[in-house]
N, C-alpha and C. Protein backbone atom coordinates (compact mmCIF):
# COMPACT_ATOMS: atom_id res chain seq x y z
N MET A 1 8.13 7.68 15.97
CA MET A 1 7.19 6.60 15.87
C MET A 1 7.41 5.85 14.56
N TYR A 2 7.26 4.55 14.60
CA TYR A 2 7.43 3.71 13.43
C TYR A 2 6.09 3.17 12.96
N VAL A 3 6.00 2.93 11.66
CA VAL A 3 4.80 2.38 11.05
C VAL A 3 5.16 1.06 10.39
N HIS A 4 4.42 0.02 10.72
CA HIS A 4 4.62 -1.29 10.10
C HIS A 4 3.89 -1.30 8.77
N LEU A 5 4.62 -1.56 7.68
CA LEU A 5 4.05 -1.54 6.34
C LEU A 5 3.66 -2.91 5.82
N GLY A 6 4.03 -3.94 6.54
CA GLY A 6 3.78 -5.31 6.10
C GLY A 6 5.08 -6.06 6.09
N ASP A 7 4.98 -7.40 6.03
CA ASP A 7 6.14 -8.27 6.07
C ASP A 7 6.95 -7.89 7.31
N ASP A 8 8.22 -7.64 7.20
CA ASP A 8 9.04 -7.21 8.34
C ASP A 8 9.52 -5.78 8.17
N VAL A 9 8.79 -4.96 7.43
CA VAL A 9 9.23 -3.61 7.09
C VAL A 9 8.55 -2.58 7.99
N MET A 10 9.39 -1.78 8.64
CA MET A 10 8.91 -0.66 9.46
C MET A 10 9.69 0.58 9.05
N ILE A 11 8.99 1.71 8.99
CA ILE A 11 9.65 2.97 8.67
C ILE A 11 9.18 4.03 9.66
N ARG A 12 9.96 5.09 9.77
CA ARG A 12 9.56 6.21 10.63
C ARG A 12 8.37 6.93 10.00
N SER A 13 7.38 7.26 10.79
CA SER A 13 6.20 7.95 10.26
C SER A 13 6.58 9.31 9.69
N SER A 14 7.63 9.91 10.22
CA SER A 14 8.07 11.22 9.74
C SER A 14 8.65 11.15 8.32
N GLU A 15 9.00 9.96 7.84
CA GLU A 15 9.56 9.79 6.50
C GLU A 15 8.48 9.67 5.43
N ILE A 16 7.24 9.44 5.84
CA ILE A 16 6.18 9.23 4.87
C ILE A 16 5.80 10.54 4.18
N ILE A 17 5.90 10.54 2.85
CA ILE A 17 5.49 11.70 2.06
C ILE A 17 4.00 11.59 1.77
N THR A 18 3.58 10.41 1.30
CA THR A 18 2.17 10.17 1.03
C THR A 18 1.88 8.68 1.02
N ILE A 19 0.60 8.36 1.20
CA ILE A 19 0.12 6.99 1.09
C ILE A 19 -1.03 7.02 0.09
N LEU A 20 -0.92 6.19 -0.95
CA LEU A 20 -1.94 6.15 -1.99
C LEU A 20 -2.61 4.79 -2.02
N ASP A 21 -3.91 4.77 -2.30
CA ASP A 21 -4.61 3.50 -2.40
C ASP A 21 -4.35 2.86 -3.76
N LYS A 22 -4.60 1.57 -3.83
CA LYS A 22 -4.33 0.80 -5.04
C LYS A 22 -5.04 1.38 -6.25
N GLN A 23 -6.30 1.76 -6.10
CA GLN A 23 -7.08 2.25 -7.23
C GLN A 23 -6.48 3.53 -7.80
N THR A 24 -6.04 4.43 -6.94
CA THR A 24 -5.41 5.66 -7.40
C THR A 24 -4.15 5.37 -8.20
N VAL A 25 -3.34 4.46 -7.71
CA VAL A 25 -2.10 4.08 -8.39
C VAL A 25 -2.40 3.45 -9.75
N MET A 26 -3.36 2.53 -9.77
CA MET A 26 -3.67 1.80 -11.00
C MET A 26 -4.35 2.69 -12.04
N ASP A 27 -5.13 3.68 -11.61
CA ASP A 27 -5.87 4.54 -12.53
C ASP A 27 -5.06 5.71 -13.07
N SER A 28 -3.90 5.98 -12.48
CA SER A 28 -3.12 7.15 -12.84
C SER A 28 -1.97 6.80 -13.80
N LYS A 29 -2.04 7.36 -14.99
CA LYS A 29 -0.97 7.16 -15.97
C LYS A 29 0.35 7.72 -15.43
N GLU A 30 0.26 8.86 -14.74
CA GLU A 30 1.46 9.49 -14.18
C GLU A 30 2.10 8.61 -13.11
N MET A 31 1.27 7.96 -12.27
CA MET A 31 1.82 7.08 -11.24
C MET A 31 2.48 5.86 -11.87
N GLN A 32 1.89 5.33 -12.92
CA GLN A 32 2.48 4.19 -13.62
C GLN A 32 3.85 4.56 -14.20
N GLN A 33 3.94 5.77 -14.77
CA GLN A 33 5.21 6.24 -15.32
C GLN A 33 6.24 6.45 -14.21
N LEU A 34 5.80 6.99 -13.08
CA LEU A 34 6.70 7.18 -11.95
C LEU A 34 7.25 5.85 -11.46
N LEU A 35 6.39 4.86 -11.33
CA LEU A 35 6.84 3.54 -10.87
C LEU A 35 7.84 2.92 -11.84
N GLU A 36 7.64 3.14 -13.12
CA GLU A 36 8.58 2.63 -14.12
C GLU A 36 9.93 3.34 -14.03
N ARG A 37 9.89 4.68 -13.88
CA ARG A 37 11.14 5.46 -13.81
C ARG A 37 11.92 5.18 -12.53
N LYS A 38 11.21 4.93 -11.45
CA LYS A 38 11.85 4.75 -10.14
C LYS A 38 11.86 3.29 -9.70
N GLU A 39 11.91 2.38 -10.65
CA GLU A 39 11.84 0.96 -10.33
C GLU A 39 12.89 0.53 -9.31
N SER A 40 14.07 1.14 -9.35
CA SER A 40 15.13 0.78 -8.40
C SER A 40 14.78 1.17 -6.97
N GLU A 41 13.84 2.09 -6.78
CA GLU A 41 13.42 2.52 -5.45
C GLU A 41 12.17 1.79 -4.97
N LEU A 42 11.63 0.93 -5.80
CA LEU A 42 10.39 0.22 -5.50
C LEU A 42 10.67 -1.02 -4.66
N VAL A 43 9.95 -1.13 -3.54
CA VAL A 43 10.09 -2.28 -2.65
C VAL A 43 8.71 -2.94 -2.54
N ASN A 44 8.59 -4.14 -3.08
CA ASN A 44 7.31 -4.83 -3.05
C ASN A 44 7.26 -5.77 -1.86
N ILE A 45 6.46 -5.42 -0.87
CA ILE A 45 6.30 -6.26 0.33
C ILE A 45 4.89 -6.83 0.40
N SER A 46 4.17 -6.77 -0.71
CA SER A 46 2.76 -7.16 -0.71
C SER A 46 2.52 -8.65 -0.81
N ASN A 47 3.50 -9.42 -1.23
CA ASN A 47 3.32 -10.86 -1.41
C ASN A 47 2.07 -11.17 -2.23
N GLY A 48 1.82 -10.34 -3.25
CA GLY A 48 0.71 -10.57 -4.16
C GLY A 48 -0.58 -9.86 -3.81
N THR A 49 -0.70 -9.29 -2.62
CA THR A 49 -1.92 -8.61 -2.21
C THR A 49 -1.63 -7.12 -2.02
N PHE A 50 -1.66 -6.37 -3.11
CA PHE A 50 -1.33 -4.94 -3.12
C PHE A 50 -2.56 -4.13 -2.74
N LYS A 51 -2.44 -3.34 -1.65
CA LYS A 51 -3.55 -2.47 -1.23
C LYS A 51 -3.18 -1.00 -1.20
N SER A 52 -1.88 -0.70 -1.05
CA SER A 52 -1.48 0.70 -0.98
C SER A 52 -0.03 0.88 -1.40
N LEU A 53 0.31 2.14 -1.68
CA LEU A 53 1.67 2.52 -2.04
C LEU A 53 2.10 3.61 -1.07
N VAL A 54 3.20 3.38 -0.38
CA VAL A 54 3.74 4.33 0.58
C VAL A 54 5.00 4.94 -0.02
N ILE A 55 5.01 6.26 -0.13
CA ILE A 55 6.15 6.95 -0.74
C ILE A 55 6.93 7.69 0.33
N THR A 56 8.25 7.44 0.35
CA THR A 56 9.18 8.13 1.24
C THR A 56 10.22 8.82 0.35
N PRO A 57 11.11 9.61 0.93
CA PRO A 57 12.14 10.27 0.10
C PRO A 57 13.06 9.30 -0.64
N THR A 58 13.23 8.09 -0.11
CA THR A 58 14.19 7.17 -0.71
C THR A 58 13.58 5.91 -1.34
N HIS A 59 12.35 5.57 -0.96
CA HIS A 59 11.73 4.34 -1.45
C HIS A 59 10.23 4.52 -1.68
N MET A 60 9.69 3.59 -2.47
CA MET A 60 8.24 3.46 -2.65
C MET A 60 7.90 2.02 -2.29
N TYR A 61 7.04 1.85 -1.29
CA TYR A 61 6.71 0.54 -0.79
C TYR A 61 5.32 0.12 -1.26
N ILE A 62 5.23 -1.04 -1.93
CA ILE A 62 3.95 -1.62 -2.29
C ILE A 62 3.54 -2.49 -1.10
N SER A 63 2.47 -2.06 -0.42
CA SER A 63 2.09 -2.67 0.85
C SER A 63 0.79 -3.47 0.76
N PRO A 64 0.69 -4.55 1.55
CA PRO A 64 -0.54 -5.32 1.61
C PRO A 64 -1.54 -4.75 2.61
N ILE A 65 -1.18 -3.67 3.26
CA ILE A 65 -2.04 -3.07 4.29
C ILE A 65 -2.84 -1.92 3.68
N ALA A 66 -4.12 -1.87 4.03
CA ALA A 66 -5.03 -0.85 3.48
C ALA A 66 -4.60 0.55 3.91
N ILE A 67 -4.90 1.52 3.07
CA ILE A 67 -4.52 2.91 3.29
C ILE A 67 -5.07 3.45 4.62
N ALA A 68 -6.31 3.13 4.95
CA ALA A 68 -6.91 3.64 6.20
C ALA A 68 -6.14 3.13 7.41
N THR A 69 -5.74 1.88 7.39
CA THR A 69 -4.98 1.30 8.50
C THR A 69 -3.60 1.95 8.61
N LEU A 70 -2.94 2.15 7.48
CA LEU A 70 -1.62 2.79 7.50
C LEU A 70 -1.70 4.23 8.02
N LYS A 71 -2.73 4.96 7.59
CA LYS A 71 -2.88 6.34 8.06
C LYS A 71 -3.11 6.38 9.56
N LYS A 72 -3.92 5.46 10.08
CA LYS A 72 -4.15 5.41 11.53
C LYS A 72 -2.84 5.14 12.26
N LYS A 73 -2.06 4.20 11.74
CA LYS A 73 -0.77 3.88 12.36
C LYS A 73 0.17 5.08 12.31
N ALA A 74 0.19 5.79 11.18
CA ALA A 74 1.09 6.93 11.02
C ALA A 74 0.70 8.08 11.92
N LEU A 75 -0.60 8.24 12.17
CA LEU A 75 -1.07 9.36 12.98
C LEU A 75 -1.19 9.02 14.46
N ASN A 76 -1.04 7.77 14.83
CA ASN A 76 -1.16 7.34 16.22
C ASN A 76 -0.17 8.06 17.12
N GLY A 77 -0.68 8.76 18.08
CA GLY A 77 0.19 9.47 19.00
C GLY A 77 0.62 10.84 18.52
N VAL A 78 0.19 11.25 17.32
CA VAL A 78 0.56 12.56 16.81
C VAL A 78 -0.57 13.54 17.11
N PRO A 79 -0.30 14.63 17.86
CA PRO A 79 -1.36 15.60 18.16
C PRO A 79 -1.91 16.21 16.89
N MET A 80 -3.22 16.35 16.85
CA MET A 80 -3.87 16.94 15.69
C MET A 80 -4.58 18.22 16.11
N ASN A 81 -4.53 19.24 15.25
CA ASN A 81 -5.21 20.51 15.54
C ASN A 81 -6.70 20.34 15.36
N GLY A 82 -7.47 21.09 16.15
CA GLY A 82 -8.90 21.13 15.95
C GLY A 82 -9.60 20.26 16.89
């Protein structure tokens, strides 16, 4: 299954390590340092409206789509326990 991250970018849901909201990214000194160290892996598709950060093994995507929407898309069709 693929997840649309914004613009024309789609990735496999199985590649997603984590999705972080804008506030978490902005409030975390460690996240700011990570973004600086991994700048070459950073893909900004937000067109100025940053709502979430999607981390995969090879890239970090700055997305204009809210974290709740991305999580729903990533979990769509995936069986959940309970």
